[in-house]
Amino acid sequence: MKRFRNKNSVWNGLMILTGTGLMAAAVNCVFEPMHLVTGGVTGIGIMIKEMTRNIVSVEGIPLWVTNLVCNIPLFVVAYFLLGKRFLQRGLISAVIFTVYLGLIPITKPPTQDLLLNTVLGGVLMGFGLGMVFAVGSTTGGMDLLAVLLQRRFRHLTEAQILAVVDGLIVIAGAMIFGLEHALYALVAIFIVTRVSDGIMNGLKFSKLGYVISDQSAAISQRLMKEIERGVTGIAITGMHTGKHRDMLMCVVSRKEIVELKEIVFEMDPDAFVIVTDVSETVGEGFLRYRADYTIKAGKC
């Protein structure tokens, strides 16, 4: 068990390192050069950098500085309101993301096409966010602010609060950089949401197979031995024939569902198989339940 946890920690660390790196690349190589205010602390940083250009310095206040300054008070408040466990949940990711923002140079977008650049930035940010969220972490910022505000406005969900806050930031960006930039930012936000959701669901997706056969006992033994997945027998009655038998239920990965069907129809060509998607599977043989990342107000 200890060895498993160590491997799990290494995997989580790699996911956070890669995810935050992709996020920072999206900001420094696409969003900032194109002046796309996509919400969040980085969106505030892009606006502050533009407003302080040639005032504080030639380039203005760097994004990593704004990100650091905005996150410090949020994590301090989170520590006192939500506890140490929640602080650990996102502090490491936030620090790494800030470091990446300072290390990755701000460059011109890779193409001259604004839409292609917007799509690229959205995909990079979406992949990065999805990887970070998939391991139960966060980079702080507006996500953390939404959690804190939800304690005060309990009639609203965190997602609703986050949408309002990010929407106000996008509107402010439109006032500074113009409506066209804001519209491209909305396109980027849509892509980020779709890609990050896809990454999170893709890492958790499984298949559920139901098998109805007269050879259910023998089939279950082969499934448990060859695929090494648990099988559950459910007593059923065929309403047309009145026959009683067991229906097998087995959760497998997307690759293993092919092997499951091959085993079933090899043993019983007349078997009846139902396959359906499972959006998330938690437990032995799949993802472990991450209790450390469960947020319960007042219980952290």
C-alpha atoms as a PDB file:
ATOM      1  CA  MET A   1       0.000   0.000   0.000  1.00  0.00           C
ATOM      2  CA  LYS A   2       2.824   2.406   0.819  1.00  0.00           C
ATOM      3  CA  ARG A   3       4.475   1.638  -2.511  1.00  0.00           C
ATOM      4  CA  PHE A   4       1.182   2.377  -4.289  1.00  0.00           C
ATOM      5  CA  ARG A   5       0.875   5.729  -2.542  1.00  0.00           C
ATOM      6  CA  ASN A   6       4.445   6.628  -3.506  1.00  0.00           C
ATOM      7  CA  LYS A   7       3.725   5.818  -7.156  1.00  0.00           C
ATOM      8  CA  ASN A   8       0.510   7.779  -6.955  1.00  0.00           C
ATOM      9  CA  SER A   9       2.367  10.797  -5.536  1.00  0.00           C
ATOM     10  CA  VAL A  10       4.934  10.675  -8.332  1.00  0.00           C
ATOM     11  CA  TRP A  11       2.167  10.482 -10.933  1.00  0.00           C
ATOM     12  CA  ASN A  12       0.333  13.424  -9.349  1.00  0.00           C
ATOM     13  CA  GLY A  13       3.545  15.433  -9.293  1.00  0.00           C
ATOM     14  CA  LEU A  14       4.204  14.790 -12.979  1.00  0.00           C
ATOM     15  CA  MET A  15       0.633  15.737 -13.833  1.00  0.00           C
ATOM     16  CA  ILE A  16       0.937  19.009 -11.923  1.00  0.00           C
ATOM     17  CA  LEU A  17       4.342  19.848 -13.428  1.00  0.00           C
ATOM     18  CA  THR A  18       3.117  19.179 -16.960  1.00  0.00           C
ATOM     19  CA  GLY A  19      -0.290  20.775 -16.511  1.00  0.00           C
ATOM     20  CA  THR A  20       0.946  24.029 -14.982  1.00  0.00           C
ATOM     21  CA  GLY A  21       3.646  24.215 -17.656  1.00  0.00           C
ATOM     22  CA  LEU A  22       1.036  23.986 -20.422  1.00  0.00           C
ATOM     23  CA  MET A  23      -1.070  26.622 -18.697  1.00  0.00           C
ATOM     24  CA  ALA A  24       1.845  29.028 -18.398  1.00  0.00           C
ATOM     25  CA  ALA A  25       2.799  28.425 -22.041  1.00  0.00           C
ATOM     26  CA  ALA A  26      -0.764  29.271 -23.103  1.00  0.00           C
ATOM     27  CA  VAL A  27      -0.652  32.519 -21.128  1.00  0.00           C
ATOM     28  CA  ASN A  28       2.850  33.703 -22.103  1.00  0.00           C
ATOM     29  CA  CYS A  29       2.841  32.514 -25.707  1.00  0.00           C
ATOM     30  CA  VAL A  30      -0.762  33.189 -26.727  1.00  0.00           C
ATOM     31  CA  PHE A  31      -3.052  35.029 -24.324  1.00  0.00           C
ATOM     32  CA  GLU A  32      -0.705  37.784 -23.186  1.00  0.00           C
ATOM     33  CA  PRO A  33       0.745  38.630 -26.641  1.00  0.00           C
ATOM     34  CA  MET A  34      -2.775  38.663 -28.115  1.00  0.00           C
ATOM     35  CA  HIS A  35      -4.222  40.602 -25.154  1.00  0.00           C
ATOM     36  CA  LEU A  36      -6.862  37.929 -24.533  1.00  0.00           C
ATOM     37  CA  VAL A  37      -8.355  38.436 -21.090  1.00  0.00           C
ATOM     38  CA  THR A  38      -9.874  35.020 -20.427  1.00  0.00           C
ATOM     39  CA  GLY A  39     -10.714  35.695 -16.794  1.00  0.00           C
ATOM     40  CA  GLY A  40      -8.891  34.572 -13.688  1.00  0.00           C
ATOM     41  CA  VAL A  41      -5.851  36.103 -12.047  1.00  0.00           C
ATOM     42  CA  THR A  42      -3.861  35.837 -15.275  1.00  0.00           C
ATOM     43  CA  GLY A  43      -6.518  37.949 -16.994  1.00  0.00           C
ATOM     44  CA  ILE A  44      -6.130  40.572 -14.279  1.00  0.00           C
ATOM     45  CA  GLY A  45      -2.370  40.334 -14.722  1.00  0.00           C
ATOM     46  CA  ILE A  46      -2.624  40.968 -18.467  1.00  0.00           C
ATOM     47  CA  MET A  47      -4.667  44.121 -17.831  1.00  0.00           C
ATOM     48  CA  ILE A  48      -2.363  45.374 -15.070  1.00  0.00           C
ATOM     49  CA  LYS A  49       0.677  44.800 -17.245  1.00  0.00           C
ATOM     50  CA  GLU A  50      -0.864  46.879 -20.023  1.00  0.00           C
ATOM     51  CA  MET A  51      -1.921  49.697 -17.680  1.00  0.00           C
ATOM     52  CA  THR A  52       1.511  49.878 -16.012  1.00  0.00           C
ATOM     53  CA  ARG A  53       3.484  49.741 -19.255  1.00  0.00           C
ATOM     54  CA  ASN A  54       6.103  52.535 -19.326  1.00  0.00           C
ATOM     55  CA  ILE A  55       5.092  53.499 -15.797  1.00  0.00           C
ATOM     56  CA  VAL A  56       6.552  50.884 -13.486  1.00  0.00           C
ATOM     57  CA  SER A  57       8.819  49.564 -16.257  1.00  0.00           C
ATOM     58  CA  VAL A  58       8.944  49.423 -20.037  1.00  0.00           C
ATOM     59  CA  GLU A  59       6.961  46.185 -20.158  1.00  0.00           C
ATOM     60  CA  GLY A  60       4.832  46.845 -17.090  1.00  0.00           C
ATOM     61  CA  ILE A  61       4.352  44.607 -14.050  1.00  0.00           C
ATOM     62  CA  PRO A  62       5.149  40.976 -14.985  1.00  0.00           C
ATOM     63  CA  LEU A  63       2.350  38.439 -14.907  1.00  0.00           C
ATOM     64  CA  TRP A  64       4.073  36.245 -12.341  1.00  0.00           C
ATOM     65  CA  VAL A  65       4.220  39.151  -9.899  1.00  0.00           C
ATOM     66  CA  THR A  66       0.479  39.824 -10.191  1.00  0.00           C
ATOM     67  CA  ASN A  67      -0.259  36.122  -9.871  1.00  0.00           C
ATOM     68  CA  LEU A  68       1.850  35.890  -6.706  1.00  0.00           C
ATOM     69  CA  VAL A  69       0.449  39.043  -5.107  1.00  0.00           C
ATOM     70  CA  CYS A  70      -3.177  38.052  -5.800  1.00  0.00           C
ATOM     71  CA  ASN A  71      -2.793  34.481  -4.564  1.00  0.00           C
ATOM     72  CA  ILE A  72      -1.019  35.179  -1.275  1.00  0.00           C
ATOM     73  CA  PRO A  73      -4.015  36.773   0.503  1.00  0.00           C
ATOM     74  CA  LEU A  74      -6.386  34.168  -0.970  1.00  0.00           C
ATOM     75  CA  PHE A  75      -4.356  31.259   0.392  1.00  0.00           C
ATOM     76  CA  VAL A  76      -3.943  32.986   3.766  1.00  0.00           C
ATOM     77  CA  VAL A  77      -7.711  33.430   4.081  1.00  0.00           C
ATOM     78  CA  ALA A  78      -8.244  29.848   2.870  1.00  0.00           C
ATOM     79  CA  TYR A  79      -5.897  28.559   5.552  1.00  0.00           C
ATOM     80  CA  PHE A  80      -7.924  30.158   8.357  1.00  0.00           C
ATOM     81  CA  LEU A  81     -11.363  29.370   6.904  1.00  0.00           C
ATOM     82  CA  LEU A  82     -10.843  25.991   5.269  1.00  0.00           C
ATOM     83  CA  GLY A  83      -7.864  24.545   7.085  1.00  0.00           C
ATOM     84  CA  LYS A  84      -4.421  23.187   6.340  1.00  0.00           C
ATOM     85  CA  ARG A  85      -5.604  20.322   4.139  1.00  0.00           C
ATOM     86  CA  PHE A  86      -7.199  22.674   1.638  1.00  0.00           C
ATOM     87  CA  LEU A  87      -4.089  24.867   1.641  1.00  0.00           C
ATOM     88  CA  GLN A  88      -1.931  21.887   0.706  1.00  0.00           C
ATOM     89  CA  ARG A  89      -4.395  21.005  -2.022  1.00  0.00           C
ATOM     90  CA  GLY A  90      -3.452  23.920  -4.246  1.00  0.00           C
ATOM     91  CA  LEU A  91      -0.422  25.729  -2.844  1.00  0.00           C
ATOM     92  CA  ILE A  92       2.174  23.602  -4.627  1.00  0.00           C
ATOM     93  CA  SER A  93       0.412  23.907  -7.978  1.00  0.00           C
ATOM     94  CA  ALA A  94       0.019  27.664  -7.554  1.00  0.00           C
ATOM     95  CA  VAL A  95       3.710  28.115  -6.742  1.00  0.00           C
ATOM     96  CA  ILE A  96       4.834  25.993  -9.703  1.00  0.00           C
ATOM     97  CA  PHE A  97       2.495  27.869 -12.041  1.00  0.00           C
ATOM     98  CA  THR A  98       3.873  31.195 -10.824  1.00  0.00           C
ATOM     99  CA  VAL A  99       7.440  29.987 -11.376  1.00  0.00           C
ATOM    100  CA  TYR A 100       6.577  28.879 -14.904  1.00  0.00           C
ATOM    101  CA  LEU A 101       5.065  32.297 -15.642  1.00  0.00           C
ATOM    102  CA  GLY A 102       8.376  33.861 -14.661  1.00  0.00           C
ATOM    103  CA  LEU A 103      10.588  31.390 -16.542  1.00  0.00           C
ATOM    104  CA  ILE A 104       8.736  30.939 -19.839  1.00  0.00           C
ATOM    105  CA  PRO A 105       9.534  33.926 -22.074  1.00  0.00           C
ATOM    106  CA  ILE A 106       6.699  35.931 -23.584  1.00  0.00           C
ATOM    107  CA  THR A 107       6.855  35.350 -27.315  1.00  0.00           C
ATOM    108  CA  LYS A 108       4.834  36.228 -30.372  1.00  0.00           C
ATOM    109  CA  PRO A 109       1.947  33.887 -31.217  1.00  0.00           C
ATOM    110  CA  PRO A 110       3.046  30.978 -33.449  1.00  0.00           C
ATOM    111  CA  THR A 111       0.874  32.015 -36.439  1.00  0.00           C
ATOM    112  CA  GLN A 112      -0.554  35.176 -37.972  1.00  0.00           C
ATOM    113  CA  ASP A 113      -4.110  33.834 -37.783  1.00  0.00           C
ATOM    114  CA  LEU A 114      -5.890  35.157 -34.692  1.00  0.00           C
ATOM    115  CA  LEU A 115      -8.452  32.368 -34.598  1.00  0.00           C
ATOM    116  CA  LEU A 116      -5.836  29.613 -34.889  1.00  0.00           C
ATOM    117  CA  ASN A 117      -3.835  31.217 -32.096  1.00  0.00           C
ATOM    118  CA  THR A 118      -6.956  31.436 -29.955  1.00  0.00           C
ATOM    119  CA  VAL A 119      -7.722  27.760 -30.528  1.00  0.00           C
ATOM    120  CA  LEU A 120      -4.129  26.793 -29.727  1.00  0.00           C
ATOM    121  CA  GLY A 121      -4.137  28.795 -26.511  1.00  0.00           C
ATOM    122  CA  GLY A 122      -7.476  27.328 -25.465  1.00  0.00           C
ATOM    123  CA  VAL A 123      -6.301  23.760 -26.123  1.00  0.00           C
ATOM    124  CA  LEU A 124      -3.041  24.263 -24.203  1.00  0.00           C
ATOM    125  CA  MET A 125      -4.816  25.865 -21.253  1.00  0.00           C
ATOM    126  CA  GLY A 126      -7.569  23.243 -21.325  1.00  0.00           C
ATOM    127  CA  PHE A 127      -5.102  20.360 -21.316  1.00  0.00           C
ATOM    128  CA  GLY A 128      -3.157  21.960 -18.481  1.00  0.00           C
ATOM    129  CA  LEU A 129      -6.200  22.696 -16.348  1.00  0.00           C
ATOM    130  CA  GLY A 130      -7.614  19.238 -16.967  1.00  0.00           C
ATOM    131  CA  MET A 131      -4.395  17.576 -15.812  1.00  0.00           C
ATOM    132  CA  VAL A 132      -4.205  19.712 -12.668  1.00  0.00           C
ATOM    133  CA  PHE A 133      -7.877  19.229 -11.795  1.00  0.00           C
ATOM    134  CA  ALA A 134      -7.703  15.493 -12.523  1.00  0.00           C
ATOM    135  CA  VAL A 135      -5.339  14.966  -9.588  1.00  0.00           C
ATOM    136  CA  GLY A 136      -7.529  17.057  -7.287  1.00  0.00           C
ATOM    137  CA  SER A 137      -5.347  20.153  -7.270  1.00  0.00           C
ATOM    138  CA  THR A 138      -5.853  23.785  -8.240  1.00  0.00           C
ATOM    139  CA  THR A 139      -3.714  26.788  -9.094  1.00  0.00           C
ATOM    140  CA  GLY A 140      -5.631  29.064  -6.746  1.00  0.00           C
ATOM    141  CA  GLY A 141      -6.764  32.336  -8.242  1.00  0.00           C
ATOM    142  CA  MET A 142     -10.442  32.814  -9.029  1.00  0.00           C
ATOM    143  CA  ASP A 143     -11.209  29.148  -8.299  1.00  0.00           C
ATOM    144  CA  LEU A 144     -10.088  29.686  -4.739  1.00  0.00           C
ATOM    145  CA  LEU A 145     -11.921  33.018  -4.521  1.00  0.00           C
ATOM    146  CA  ALA A 146     -15.139  31.294  -5.635  1.00  0.00           C
ATOM    147  CA  VAL A 147     -14.765  28.713  -2.861  1.00  0.00           C
ATOM    148  CA  LEU A 148     -14.303  31.458  -0.276  1.00  0.00           C
ATOM    149  CA  LEU A 149     -17.185  33.590  -1.554  1.00  0.00           C
ATOM    150  CA  GLN A 150     -19.507  30.589  -1.578  1.00  0.00           C
ATOM    151  CA  ARG A 151     -19.212  30.439   2.210  1.00  0.00           C
ATOM    152  CA  ARG A 152     -20.808  33.887   2.298  1.00  0.00           C
ATOM    153  CA  PHE A 153     -23.296  33.462  -0.569  1.00  0.00           C
ATOM    154  CA  ARG A 154     -24.532  29.941   0.119  1.00  0.00           C
ATOM    155  CA  HIS A 155     -27.473  30.253  -2.257  1.00  0.00           C
ATOM    156  CA  LEU A 156     -25.014  30.331  -5.148  1.00  0.00           C
ATOM    157  CA  THR A 157     -22.778  27.513  -6.350  1.00  0.00           C
ATOM    158  CA  GLU A 158     -19.032  27.879  -6.787  1.00  0.00           C
ATOM    159  CA  ALA A 159     -19.470  27.543 -10.558  1.00  0.00           C
ATOM    160  CA  GLN A 160     -22.012  30.386 -10.621  1.00  0.00           C
ATOM    161  CA  ILE A 161     -19.760  32.656  -8.577  1.00  0.00           C
ATOM    162  CA  LEU A 162     -16.776  31.829 -10.774  1.00  0.00           C
ATOM    163  CA  ALA A 163     -18.779  32.583 -13.923  1.00  0.00           C
ATOM    164  CA  VAL A 164     -19.773  36.009 -12.573  1.00  0.00           C
ATOM    165  CA  VAL A 165     -16.241  36.917 -11.464  1.00  0.00           C
ATOM    166  CA  ASP A 166     -14.641  35.768 -14.717  1.00  0.00           C
ATOM    167  CA  GLY A 167     -17.368  37.513 -16.687  1.00  0.00           C
ATOM    168  CA  LEU A 168     -16.579  40.822 -14.978  1.00  0.00           C
ATOM    169  CA  ILE A 169     -12.891  40.346 -15.748  1.00  0.00           C
ATOM    170  CA  VAL A 170     -13.639  39.679 -19.428  1.00  0.00           C
ATOM    171  CA  ILE A 171     -15.815  42.813 -19.583  1.00  0.00           C
ATOM    172  CA  ALA A 172     -12.994  44.840 -18.040  1.00  0.00           C
ATOM    173  CA  GLY A 173     -10.642  43.376 -20.653  1.00  0.00           C
ATOM    174  CA  ALA A 174     -13.028  44.468 -23.408  1.00  0.00           C
ATOM    175  CA  MET A 175     -12.931  48.036 -22.089  1.00  0.00           C
ATOM    176  CA  ILE A 176      -9.120  48.042 -22.224  1.00  0.00           C
ATOM    177  CA  PHE A 177      -8.342  46.036 -25.362  1.00  0.00           C
ATOM    178  CA  GLY A 178     -11.579  46.325 -27.341  1.00  0.00           C
ATOM    179  CA  LEU A 179     -14.571  44.155 -28.178  1.00  0.00           C
ATOM    180  CA  GLU A 180     -12.770  42.026 -30.787  1.00  0.00           C
ATOM    181  CA  HIS A 181     -10.205  40.817 -28.259  1.00  0.00           C
ATOM    182  CA  ALA A 182     -12.998  40.056 -25.796  1.00  0.00           C
ATOM    183  CA  LEU A 183     -14.847  37.943 -28.368  1.00  0.00           C
ATOM    184  CA  TYR A 184     -11.710  35.932 -29.090  1.00  0.00           C
ATOM    185  CA  ALA A 185     -11.282  35.549 -25.330  1.00  0.00           C
ATOM    186  CA  LEU A 186     -14.792  34.071 -25.086  1.00  0.00           C
ATOM    187  CA  VAL A 187     -13.890  31.565 -27.802  1.00  0.00           C
ATOM    188  CA  ALA A 188     -10.778  30.621 -25.828  1.00  0.00           C
ATOM    189  CA  ILE A 189     -12.816  30.216 -22.620  1.00  0.00           C
ATOM    190  CA  PHE A 190     -15.237  27.867 -24.394  1.00  0.00           C
ATOM    191  CA  ILE A 191     -12.374  25.734 -25.731  1.00  0.00           C
ATOM    192  CA  VAL A 192     -10.636  25.662 -22.339  1.00  0.00           C
ATOM    193  CA  THR A 193     -13.829  24.433 -20.664  1.00  0.00           C
ATOM    194  CA  ARG A 194     -14.507  21.732 -23.239  1.00  0.00           C
ATOM    195  CA  VAL A 195     -10.937  20.442 -23.355  1.00  0.00           C
ATOM    196  CA  SER A 196     -10.403  20.439 -19.579  1.00  0.00           C
ATOM    197  CA  ASP A 197     -13.703  18.594 -19.041  1.00  0.00           C
ATOM    198  CA  GLY A 198     -12.693  16.097 -21.717  1.00  0.00           C
ATOM    199  CA  ILE A 199      -9.328  15.471 -20.088  1.00  0.00           C
ATOM    200  CA  MET A 200     -10.870  14.920 -16.656  1.00  0.00           C
ATOM    201  CA  ASN A 201     -13.617  12.620 -17.934  1.00  0.00           C
ATOM    202  CA  GLY A 202     -11.238  10.798 -20.234  1.00  0.00           C
ATOM    203  CA  LEU A 203      -8.978   9.861 -17.335  1.00  0.00           C
ATOM    204  CA  LYS A 204     -11.921   8.455 -15.383  1.00  0.00           C
ATOM    205  CA  PHE A 205     -13.975   6.889 -18.177  1.00  0.00           C
ATOM    206  CA  SER A 206     -14.766   3.169 -18.002  1.00  0.00           C
ATOM    207  CA  LYS A 207     -17.163   0.710 -19.593  1.00  0.00           C
ATOM    208  CA  LEU A 208     -19.870  -1.276 -17.835  1.00  0.00           C
ATOM    209  CA  GLY A 209     -20.770  -4.630 -19.332  1.00  0.00           C
ATOM    210  CA  TYR A 210     -23.929  -6.610 -18.559  1.00  0.00           C
ATOM    211  CA  VAL A 211     -23.844 -10.237 -19.666  1.00  0.00           C
ATOM    212  CA  ILE A 212     -26.895 -12.528 -19.829  1.00  0.00           C
ATOM    213  CA  SER A 213     -25.968 -16.116 -20.553  1.00  0.00           C
ATOM    214  CA  ASP A 214     -26.635 -19.709 -19.518  1.00  0.00           C
ATOM    215  CA  GLN A 215     -22.857 -20.001 -19.021  1.00  0.00           C
ATOM    216  CA  SER A 216     -22.663 -17.140 -16.511  1.00  0.00           C
ATOM    217  CA  ALA A 217     -20.694 -19.112 -13.895  1.00  0.00           C
ATOM    218  CA  ALA A 218     -17.995 -20.219 -16.327  1.00  0.00           C
ATOM    219  CA  ILE A 219     -17.840 -16.800 -18.003  1.00  0.00           C
ATOM    220  CA  SER A 220     -17.419 -15.011 -14.659  1.00  0.00           C
ATOM    221  CA  GLN A 221     -14.491 -17.284 -13.769  1.00  0.00           C
ATOM    222  CA  ARG A 222     -12.699 -16.455 -17.017  1.00  0.00           C
ATOM    223  CA  LEU A 223     -13.356 -12.728 -16.661  1.00  0.00           C
ATOM    224  CA  MET A 224     -11.952 -12.678 -13.133  1.00  0.00           C
ATOM    225  CA  LYS A 225      -8.943 -14.763 -14.123  1.00  0.00           C
ATOM    226  CA  GLU A 226      -8.020 -13.303 -17.519  1.00  0.00           C
ATOM    227  CA  ILE A 227      -9.081  -9.648 -17.219  1.00  0.00           C
ATOM    228  CA  GLU A 228      -8.609  -9.571 -13.444  1.00  0.00           C
ATOM    229  CA  ARG A 229     -11.768  -7.577 -12.842  1.00  0.00           C
ATOM    230  CA  GLY A 230     -14.446  -8.208 -10.265  1.00  0.00           C
ATOM    231  CA  VAL A 231     -17.744  -9.629 -11.473  1.00  0.00           C
ATOM    232  CA  THR A 232     -21.131  -9.288  -9.771  1.00  0.00           C
ATOM    233  CA  GLY A 233     -24.002 -11.698 -10.335  1.00  0.00           C
ATOM    234  CA  ILE A 234     -27.512 -10.273 -10.320  1.00  0.00           C
ATOM    235  CA  ALA A 235     -30.487 -12.634 -10.153  1.00  0.00           C
ATOM    236  CA  ILE A 236     -32.914 -11.965 -13.002  1.00  0.00           C
ATOM    237  CA  THR A 237     -36.002 -13.537 -14.518  1.00  0.00           C
ATOM    238  CA  GLY A 238     -36.758 -13.624 -18.226  1.00  0.00           C
ATOM    239  CA  MET A 239     -40.348 -12.412 -18.480  1.00  0.00           C
ATOM    240  CA  HIS A 240     -40.904 -14.161 -21.811  1.00  0.00           C
ATOM    241  CA  THR A 241     -39.551 -17.557 -20.750  1.00  0.00           C
ATOM    242  CA  GLY A 242     -39.941 -17.293 -16.986  1.00  0.00           C
ATOM    243  CA  LYS A 243     -36.396 -18.621 -16.663  1.00  0.00           C
ATOM    244  CA  HIS A 244     -34.261 -17.662 -13.665  1.00  0.00           C
ATOM    245  CA  ARG A 245     -30.536 -17.027 -14.113  1.00  0.00           C
ATOM    246  CA  ASP A 246     -27.709 -14.654 -13.158  1.00  0.00           C
ATOM    247  CA  MET A 247     -26.840 -11.529 -15.099  1.00  0.00           C
ATOM    248  CA  LEU A 248     -23.159 -10.605 -14.811  1.00  0.00           C
ATOM    249  CA  MET A 249     -22.096  -7.017 -14.206  1.00  0.00           C
ATOM    250  CA  CYS A 250     -18.448  -6.086 -14.801  1.00  0.00           C
ATOM    251  CA  VAL A 251     -16.732  -2.683 -14.949  1.00  0.00           C
ATOM    252  CA  VAL A 252     -13.663  -2.600 -17.198  1.00  0.00           C
ATOM    253  CA  SER A 253     -11.459  -0.100 -18.989  1.00  0.00           C
ATOM    254  CA  ARG A 254     -12.218   0.962 -22.544  1.00  0.00           C
ATOM    255  CA  LYS A 255      -9.570  -1.400 -23.902  1.00  0.00           C
ATOM    256  CA  GLU A 256     -10.711  -4.344 -21.783  1.00  0.00           C
ATOM    257  CA  ILE A 257     -14.296  -4.217 -23.026  1.00  0.00           C
ATOM    258  CA  VAL A 258     -13.123  -5.788 -26.304  1.00  0.00           C
ATOM    259  CA  GLU A 259     -11.550  -8.696 -24.437  1.00  0.00           C
ATOM    260  CA  LEU A 260     -14.688  -9.099 -22.318  1.00  0.00           C
ATOM    261  CA  LYS A 261     -16.884  -9.514 -25.398  1.00  0.00           C
ATOM    262  CA  GLU A 262     -14.449 -11.937 -26.996  1.00  0.00           C
ATOM    263  CA  ILE A 263     -14.504 -14.155 -23.897  1.00  0.00           C
ATOM    264  CA  VAL A 264     -18.291 -14.039 -23.590  1.00  0.00           C
ATOM    265  CA  PHE A 265     -19.094 -14.911 -27.203  1.00  0.00           C
ATOM    266  CA  GLU A 266     -16.356 -17.531 -27.361  1.00  0.00           C
ATOM    267  CA  MET A 267     -18.053 -19.380 -24.520  1.00  0.00           C
ATOM    268  CA  ASP A 268     -21.647 -18.624 -25.506  1.00  0.00           C
ATOM    269  CA  PRO A 269     -22.391 -17.361 -29.034  1.00  0.00           C
ATOM    270  CA  ASP A 270     -26.013 -16.836 -27.980  1.00  0.00           C
ATOM    271  CA  ALA A 271     -25.137 -14.578 -25.039  1.00  0.00           C
ATOM    272  CA  PHE A 272     -26.736 -11.165 -24.672  1.00  0.00           C
ATOM    273  CA  VAL A 273     -24.292  -8.318 -23.861  1.00  0.00           C
ATOM    274  CA  ILE A 274     -25.085  -4.711 -22.967  1.00  0.00           C
ATOM    275  CA  VAL A 275     -22.242  -2.162 -22.888  1.00  0.00           C
ATOM    276  CA  THR A 276     -22.632   1.332 -21.488  1.00  0.00           C
ATOM    277  CA  ASP A 277     -20.339   4.234 -20.597  1.00  0.00           C
ATOM    278  CA  VAL A 278     -19.364   4.973 -17.004  1.00  0.00           C
ATOM    279  CA  SER A 279     -18.286   8.577 -16.469  1.00  0.00           C
ATOM    280  CA  GLU A 280     -16.343   7.828 -13.277  1.00  0.00           C
ATOM    281  CA  THR A 281     -15.204   4.688 -11.472  1.00  0.00           C
ATOM    282  CA  VAL A 282     -13.700   4.947  -7.998  1.00  0.00           C
ATOM    283  CA  GLY A 283     -12.409   1.992  -6.029  1.00  0.00           C
ATOM    284  CA  GLU A 284     -10.129  -1.016  -6.197  1.00  0.00           C
ATOM    285  CA  GLY A 285      -8.589  -1.477  -9.633  1.00  0.00           C
ATOM    286  CA  PHE A 286      -9.545   2.037 -10.754  1.00  0.00           C
ATOM    287  CA  LEU A 287      -9.032   5.518  -9.312  1.00  0.00           C
ATOM    288  CA  ARG A 288      -8.720   5.819  -5.555  1.00  0.00           C
ATOM    289  CA  TYR A 289     -11.123   8.111  -3.750  1.00  0.00           C
ATOM    290  CA  ARG A 290      -9.190  11.266  -2.935  1.00  0.00           C
ATOM    291  CA  ALA A 291     -10.652  12.218   0.445  1.00  0.00           C
ATOM    292  CA  ASP A 292      -7.831  14.700   0.949  1.00  0.00           C
ATOM    293  CA  TYR A 293      -9.302  16.882  -1.799  1.00  0.00           C
ATOM    294  CA  THR A 294     -12.920  16.802  -0.715  1.00  0.00           C
ATOM    295  CA  ILE A 295     -13.983  20.291   0.354  1.00  0.00           C
ATOM    296  CA  LYS A 296     -16.440  20.440   3.201  1.00  0.00           C
ATOM    297  CA  ALA A 297     -16.862  23.843   4.775  1.00  0.00           C
ATOM    298  CA  GLY A 298     -15.892  23.850   8.400  1.00  0.00           C
ATOM    299  CA  LYS A 299     -14.662  20.229   8.375  1.00  0.00           C
ATOM    300  CA  CYS A 300     -11.178  20.615   6.888  1.00  0.00           C
END
